């Protein structure tokens, strides 16, 4: 077995960095979310029976929001659902769901069956938000401040550790 010379390895990593960033392996492509209007999922109701709104340009300008990009067919999205349900009770945070590469009716049926943790949820059928974020898979979550700026990103299923060490510490620091 041969070992790469440290200088060659360092050079290879430096040359690969732009490609890794372009592939979504680095930080989010956008530093703020695009201002778009996406309708809510048809027939989806909140716990009080009211229609769940979609995404509006001011959705991310009402204090902290956690944008969770998910799909009903995704097993990792299903595994993080309990964490989202717990976060739904935190009054410092609005949960916004963005359905990606799924059908609106299927996603709405999934939330109606499992419980809807989101304050707003919409289908990104044209990929406007996902494209701006260079989304490559689900789930992914973005913590957005009241100015619409992305201040933290978590690729993959949410974990209790990330919620405690990143999300809740950022929320607590803002008080």
C-alpha atoms as a PDB file:
ATOM      1  CA  UNK A   1       0.000   0.000   0.000  1.00  0.00           C
ATOM      2  CA  UNK A   2       1.367   3.400  -0.931  1.00  0.00           C
ATOM      3  CA  UNK A   3       0.717   6.587   0.968  1.00  0.00           C
ATOM      4  CA  UNK A   4       0.110   9.941  -0.671  1.00  0.00           C
ATOM      5  CA  UNK A   5       2.688  12.575   0.048  1.00  0.00           C
ATOM      6  CA  UNK A   6       1.176  15.208   2.411  1.00  0.00           C
ATOM      7  CA  UNK A   7       1.805  18.029  -0.097  1.00  0.00           C
ATOM      8  CA  UNK A   8       0.066  16.093  -2.879  1.00  0.00           C
ATOM      9  CA  UNK A   9      -2.879  15.317  -0.609  1.00  0.00           C
ATOM     10  CA  UNK A  10      -3.170  18.963   0.459  1.00  0.00           C
ATOM     11  CA  UNK A  11      -3.022  20.092  -3.192  1.00  0.00           C
ATOM     12  CA  UNK A  12      -5.685  17.552  -4.228  1.00  0.00           C
ATOM     13  CA  UNK A  13      -8.008  18.724  -1.463  1.00  0.00           C
ATOM     14  CA  UNK A  14      -7.532  22.370  -2.441  1.00  0.00           C
ATOM     15  CA  UNK A  15      -8.277  21.568  -6.075  1.00  0.00           C
ATOM     16  CA  UNK A  16     -11.375  19.540  -5.121  1.00  0.00           C
ATOM     17  CA  UNK A  17     -12.822  22.161  -2.743  1.00  0.00           C
ATOM     18  CA  UNK A  18     -14.710  24.196  -5.393  1.00  0.00           C
ATOM     19  CA  UNK A  19     -16.298  21.031  -6.807  1.00  0.00           C
ATOM     20  CA  UNK A  20     -17.324  19.865  -3.325  1.00  0.00           C
ATOM     21  CA  UNK A  21     -18.890  23.237  -2.552  1.00  0.00           C
ATOM     22  CA  UNK A  22     -20.729  23.261  -5.880  1.00  0.00           C
ATOM     23  CA  UNK A  23     -22.064  19.767  -5.144  1.00  0.00           C
ATOM     24  CA  UNK A  24     -23.622  20.972  -1.917  1.00  0.00           C
ATOM     25  CA  UNK A  25     -21.021  19.418   0.368  1.00  0.00           C
ATOM     26  CA  UNK A  26     -20.108  22.765   1.858  1.00  0.00           C
ATOM     27  CA  UNK A  27     -22.085  25.671   3.239  1.00  0.00           C
ATOM     28  CA  UNK A  28     -25.471  26.617   1.823  1.00  0.00           C
ATOM     29  CA  UNK A  29     -25.294  28.333  -1.533  1.00  0.00           C
ATOM     30  CA  UNK A  30     -27.587  31.148  -0.498  1.00  0.00           C
ATOM     31  CA  UNK A  31     -27.048  33.294   2.572  1.00  0.00           C
ATOM     32  CA  UNK A  32     -30.719  34.327   2.532  1.00  0.00           C
ATOM     33  CA  UNK A  33     -33.828  32.644   1.211  1.00  0.00           C
ATOM     34  CA  UNK A  34     -35.481  33.919  -1.958  1.00  0.00           C
ATOM     35  CA  UNK A  35     -38.697  35.894  -1.439  1.00  0.00           C
ATOM     36  CA  UNK A  36     -41.312  33.643  -3.023  1.00  0.00           C
ATOM     37  CA  UNK A  37     -44.965  32.774  -2.606  1.00  0.00           C
ATOM     38  CA  UNK A  38     -45.794  29.067  -2.511  1.00  0.00           C
ATOM     39  CA  UNK A  39     -49.321  27.899  -1.662  1.00  0.00           C
ATOM     40  CA  UNK A  40     -50.019  25.658   1.309  1.00  0.00           C
ATOM     41  CA  UNK A  41     -50.694  21.957   0.826  1.00  0.00           C
ATOM     42  CA  UNK A  42     -54.293  21.370  -0.285  1.00  0.00           C
ATOM     43  CA  UNK A  43     -56.621  20.224   2.488  1.00  0.00           C
ATOM     44  CA  UNK A  44     -53.987  20.380   5.245  1.00  0.00           C
ATOM     45  CA  UNK A  45     -55.336  21.736   8.535  1.00  0.00           C
ATOM     46  CA  UNK A  46     -53.599  22.704  11.770  1.00  0.00           C
ATOM     47  CA  UNK A  47     -54.619  21.407  15.203  1.00  0.00           C
ATOM     48  CA  UNK A  48     -57.356  24.048  15.456  1.00  0.00           C
ATOM     49  CA  UNK A  49     -58.850  23.103  12.088  1.00  0.00           C
ATOM     50  CA  UNK A  50     -57.526  26.138  10.205  1.00  0.00           C
ATOM     51  CA  UNK A  51     -55.830  25.758   6.799  1.00  0.00           C
ATOM     52  CA  UNK A  52     -52.038  25.632   7.136  1.00  0.00           C
ATOM     53  CA  UNK A  53     -50.550  28.548   5.194  1.00  0.00           C
ATOM     54  CA  UNK A  54     -47.937  28.233   2.521  1.00  0.00           C
ATOM     55  CA  UNK A  55     -44.783  30.292   2.234  1.00  0.00           C
ATOM     56  CA  UNK A  56     -44.973  34.048   1.691  1.00  0.00           C
ATOM     57  CA  UNK A  57     -42.159  36.587   1.262  1.00  0.00           C
ATOM     58  CA  UNK A  58     -42.507  37.584   4.940  1.00  0.00           C
ATOM     59  CA  UNK A  59     -42.622  34.002   6.312  1.00  0.00           C
ATOM     60  CA  UNK A  60     -38.969  34.253   7.337  1.00  0.00           C
ATOM     61  CA  UNK A  61     -39.197  37.795   8.680  1.00  0.00           C
ATOM     62  CA  UNK A  62     -41.277  37.052  11.791  1.00  0.00           C
ATOM     63  CA  UNK A  63     -38.470  36.017  14.144  1.00  0.00           C
ATOM     64  CA  UNK A  64     -36.556  32.752  14.063  1.00  0.00           C
ATOM     65  CA  UNK A  65     -37.732  30.024  11.712  1.00  0.00           C
ATOM     66  CA  UNK A  66     -36.486  26.529  11.049  1.00  0.00           C
ATOM     67  CA  UNK A  67     -36.918  25.627   7.388  1.00  0.00           C
ATOM     68  CA  UNK A  68     -37.119  21.845   7.137  1.00  0.00           C
ATOM     69  CA  UNK A  69     -36.872  20.405   3.635  1.00  0.00           C
ATOM     70  CA  UNK A  70     -38.421  16.949   3.514  1.00  0.00           C
ATOM     71  CA  UNK A  71     -40.420  14.369   1.544  1.00  0.00           C
ATOM     72  CA  UNK A  72     -43.006  11.816   2.647  1.00  0.00           C
ATOM     73  CA  UNK A  73     -41.090   8.976   0.945  1.00  0.00           C
ATOM     74  CA  UNK A  74     -37.861   9.738   2.844  1.00  0.00           C
ATOM     75  CA  UNK A  75     -37.073   7.372   5.756  1.00  0.00           C
ATOM     76  CA  UNK A  76     -34.701   9.920   7.359  1.00  0.00           C
ATOM     77  CA  UNK A  77     -37.437  12.562   7.219  1.00  0.00           C
ATOM     78  CA  UNK A  78     -39.757  10.137   8.968  1.00  0.00           C
ATOM     79  CA  UNK A  79     -37.136   9.494  11.657  1.00  0.00           C
ATOM     80  CA  UNK A  80     -36.817  13.205  12.518  1.00  0.00           C
ATOM     81  CA  UNK A  81     -40.577  13.780  12.707  1.00  0.00           C
ATOM     82  CA  UNK A  82     -40.670  13.335  16.494  1.00  0.00           C
ATOM     83  CA  UNK A  83     -38.014  16.016  16.963  1.00  0.00           C
ATOM     84  CA  UNK A  84     -40.031  18.401  14.784  1.00  0.00           C
ATOM     85  CA  UNK A  85     -43.139  17.645  16.859  1.00  0.00           C
ATOM     86  CA  UNK A  86     -41.210  18.591  20.024  1.00  0.00           C
ATOM     87  CA  UNK A  87     -39.877  21.789  18.427  1.00  0.00           C
ATOM     88  CA  UNK A  88     -43.404  22.809  17.401  1.00  0.00           C
ATOM     89  CA  UNK A  89     -44.068  23.734  21.025  1.00  0.00           C
ATOM     90  CA  UNK A  90     -41.151  26.199  21.260  1.00  0.00           C
ATOM     91  CA  UNK A  91     -42.715  29.664  20.972  1.00  0.00           C
ATOM     92  CA  UNK A  92     -39.356  31.235  20.017  1.00  0.00           C
ATOM     93  CA  UNK A  93     -39.353  29.355  16.716  1.00  0.00           C
ATOM     94  CA  UNK A  94     -41.620  28.937  13.705  1.00  0.00           C
ATOM     95  CA  UNK A  95     -41.345  25.649  11.815  1.00  0.00           C
ATOM     96  CA  UNK A  96     -41.624  25.937   8.058  1.00  0.00           C
ATOM     97  CA  UNK A  97     -41.833  22.793   5.948  1.00  0.00           C
ATOM     98  CA  UNK A  98     -40.746  22.651   2.339  1.00  0.00           C
ATOM     99  CA  UNK A  99     -41.804  19.522   0.470  1.00  0.00           C
ATOM    100  CA  UNK A 100     -39.201  18.520  -2.118  1.00  0.00           C
ATOM    101  CA  UNK A 101     -39.582  16.042  -4.989  1.00  0.00           C
ATOM    102  CA  UNK A 102     -42.897  14.737  -3.694  1.00  0.00           C
ATOM    103  CA  UNK A 103     -46.586  15.221  -4.431  1.00  0.00           C
ATOM    104  CA  UNK A 104     -48.560  17.795  -2.447  1.00  0.00           C
ATOM    105  CA  UNK A 105     -51.417  15.347  -1.815  1.00  0.00           C
ATOM    106  CA  UNK A 106     -49.068  12.621  -0.553  1.00  0.00           C
ATOM    107  CA  UNK A 107     -47.237  15.039   1.738  1.00  0.00           C
ATOM    108  CA  UNK A 108     -50.522  16.435   3.105  1.00  0.00           C
ATOM    109  CA  UNK A 109     -51.826  12.907   3.774  1.00  0.00           C
ATOM    110  CA  UNK A 110     -48.582  12.017   5.567  1.00  0.00           C
ATOM    111  CA  UNK A 111     -48.849  15.073   7.848  1.00  0.00           C
ATOM    112  CA  UNK A 112     -52.561  14.466   8.467  1.00  0.00           C
ATOM    113  CA  UNK A 113     -51.733  10.932   9.596  1.00  0.00           C
ATOM    114  CA  UNK A 114     -48.507  11.538  11.576  1.00  0.00           C
ATOM    115  CA  UNK A 115     -49.234  15.030  12.884  1.00  0.00           C
ATOM    116  CA  UNK A 116     -48.301  18.391  11.425  1.00  0.00           C
ATOM    117  CA  UNK A 117     -45.539  20.213  13.319  1.00  0.00           C
ATOM    118  CA  UNK A 118     -45.290  23.041  10.775  1.00  0.00           C
ATOM    119  CA  UNK A 119     -46.628  26.581  11.105  1.00  0.00           C
ATOM    120  CA  UNK A 120     -46.378  26.894   7.313  1.00  0.00           C
ATOM    121  CA  UNK A 121     -45.720  24.217   4.696  1.00  0.00           C
ATOM    122  CA  UNK A 122     -45.549  24.270   0.908  1.00  0.00           C
ATOM    123  CA  UNK A 123     -44.452  22.228  -2.077  1.00  0.00           C
ATOM    124  CA  UNK A 124     -41.405  23.568  -3.930  1.00  0.00           C
ATOM    125  CA  UNK A 125     -42.638  22.178  -7.266  1.00  0.00           C
ATOM    126  CA  UNK A 126     -40.412  24.424  -9.392  1.00  0.00           C
ATOM    127  CA  UNK A 127     -37.418  24.077  -7.084  1.00  0.00           C
ATOM    128  CA  UNK A 128     -37.077  27.825  -6.478  1.00  0.00           C
ATOM    129  CA  UNK A 129     -35.975  27.559  -2.848  1.00  0.00           C
ATOM    130  CA  UNK A 130     -34.243  24.186  -3.213  1.00  0.00           C
ATOM    131  CA  UNK A 131     -32.318  25.498  -6.213  1.00  0.00           C
ATOM    132  CA  UNK A 132     -31.166  28.603  -4.370  1.00  0.00           C
ATOM    133  CA  UNK A 133     -29.915  26.359  -1.549  1.00  0.00           C
ATOM    134  CA  UNK A 134     -28.379  23.848  -3.980  1.00  0.00           C
ATOM    135  CA  UNK A 135     -30.463  21.152  -2.345  1.00  0.00           C
ATOM    136  CA  UNK A 136     -29.222  17.662  -3.193  1.00  0.00           C
ATOM    137  CA  UNK A 137     -31.243  15.475  -0.868  1.00  0.00           C
ATOM    138  CA  UNK A 138     -33.572  15.344   2.087  1.00  0.00           C
ATOM    139  CA  UNK A 139     -33.856  16.077   4.874  1.00  0.00           C
ATOM    140  CA  UNK A 140     -32.039  19.348   5.422  1.00  0.00           C
ATOM    141  CA  UNK A 141     -32.814  22.109   7.889  1.00  0.00           C
ATOM    142  CA  UNK A 142     -31.896  25.791   7.910  1.00  0.00           C
ATOM    143  CA  UNK A 143     -32.161  28.123  10.881  1.00  0.00           C
ATOM    144  CA  UNK A 144     -33.244  31.525   9.584  1.00  0.00           C
ATOM    145  CA  UNK A 145     -33.200  34.728  11.626  1.00  0.00           C
ATOM    146  CA  UNK A 146     -35.806  37.510  11.529  1.00  0.00           C
ATOM    147  CA  UNK A 147     -34.039  39.241   8.630  1.00  0.00           C
ATOM    148  CA  UNK A 148     -34.311  36.158   6.420  1.00  0.00           C
ATOM    149  CA  UNK A 149     -30.613  35.308   6.743  1.00  0.00           C
ATOM    150  CA  UNK A 150     -29.556  31.688   7.105  1.00  0.00           C
ATOM    151  CA  UNK A 151     -27.544  31.413  10.313  1.00  0.00           C
ATOM    152  CA  UNK A 152     -27.162  27.634  10.637  1.00  0.00           C
ATOM    153  CA  UNK A 153     -27.604  24.564   8.459  1.00  0.00           C
ATOM    154  CA  UNK A 154     -28.041  20.908   9.308  1.00  0.00           C
ATOM    155  CA  UNK A 155     -27.817  18.394   6.458  1.00  0.00           C
ATOM    156  CA  UNK A 156     -29.533  15.102   7.167  1.00  0.00           C
ATOM    157  CA  UNK A 157     -32.036  14.140   9.835  1.00  0.00           C
ATOM    158  CA  UNK A 158     -32.204  16.433  12.837  1.00  0.00           C
ATOM    159  CA  UNK A 159     -30.600  15.093  15.992  1.00  0.00           C
ATOM    160  CA  UNK A 160     -31.252  15.898  19.635  1.00  0.00           C
ATOM    161  CA  UNK A 161     -27.598  16.962  19.917  1.00  0.00           C
ATOM    162  CA  UNK A 162     -27.843  19.504  17.066  1.00  0.00           C
ATOM    163  CA  UNK A 163     -31.121  20.854  18.442  1.00  0.00           C
ATOM    164  CA  UNK A 164     -29.530  21.302  21.881  1.00  0.00           C
ATOM    165  CA  UNK A 165     -26.067  22.565  20.923  1.00  0.00           C
ATOM    166  CA  UNK A 166     -26.846  24.679  17.869  1.00  0.00           C
ATOM    167  CA  UNK A 167     -30.525  25.514  17.530  1.00  0.00           C
ATOM    168  CA  UNK A 168     -31.512  26.083  21.166  1.00  0.00           C
ATOM    169  CA  UNK A 169     -28.230  27.802  22.022  1.00  0.00           C
ATOM    170  CA  UNK A 170     -28.760  30.253  19.130  1.00  0.00           C
ATOM    171  CA  UNK A 171     -32.339  30.899  20.265  1.00  0.00           C
ATOM    172  CA  UNK A 172     -31.245  31.424  23.872  1.00  0.00           C
ATOM    173  CA  UNK A 173     -28.423  33.758  22.848  1.00  0.00           C
ATOM    174  CA  UNK A 174     -30.902  36.023  21.070  1.00  0.00           C
ATOM    175  CA  UNK A 175     -32.983  36.739  24.189  1.00  0.00           C
END
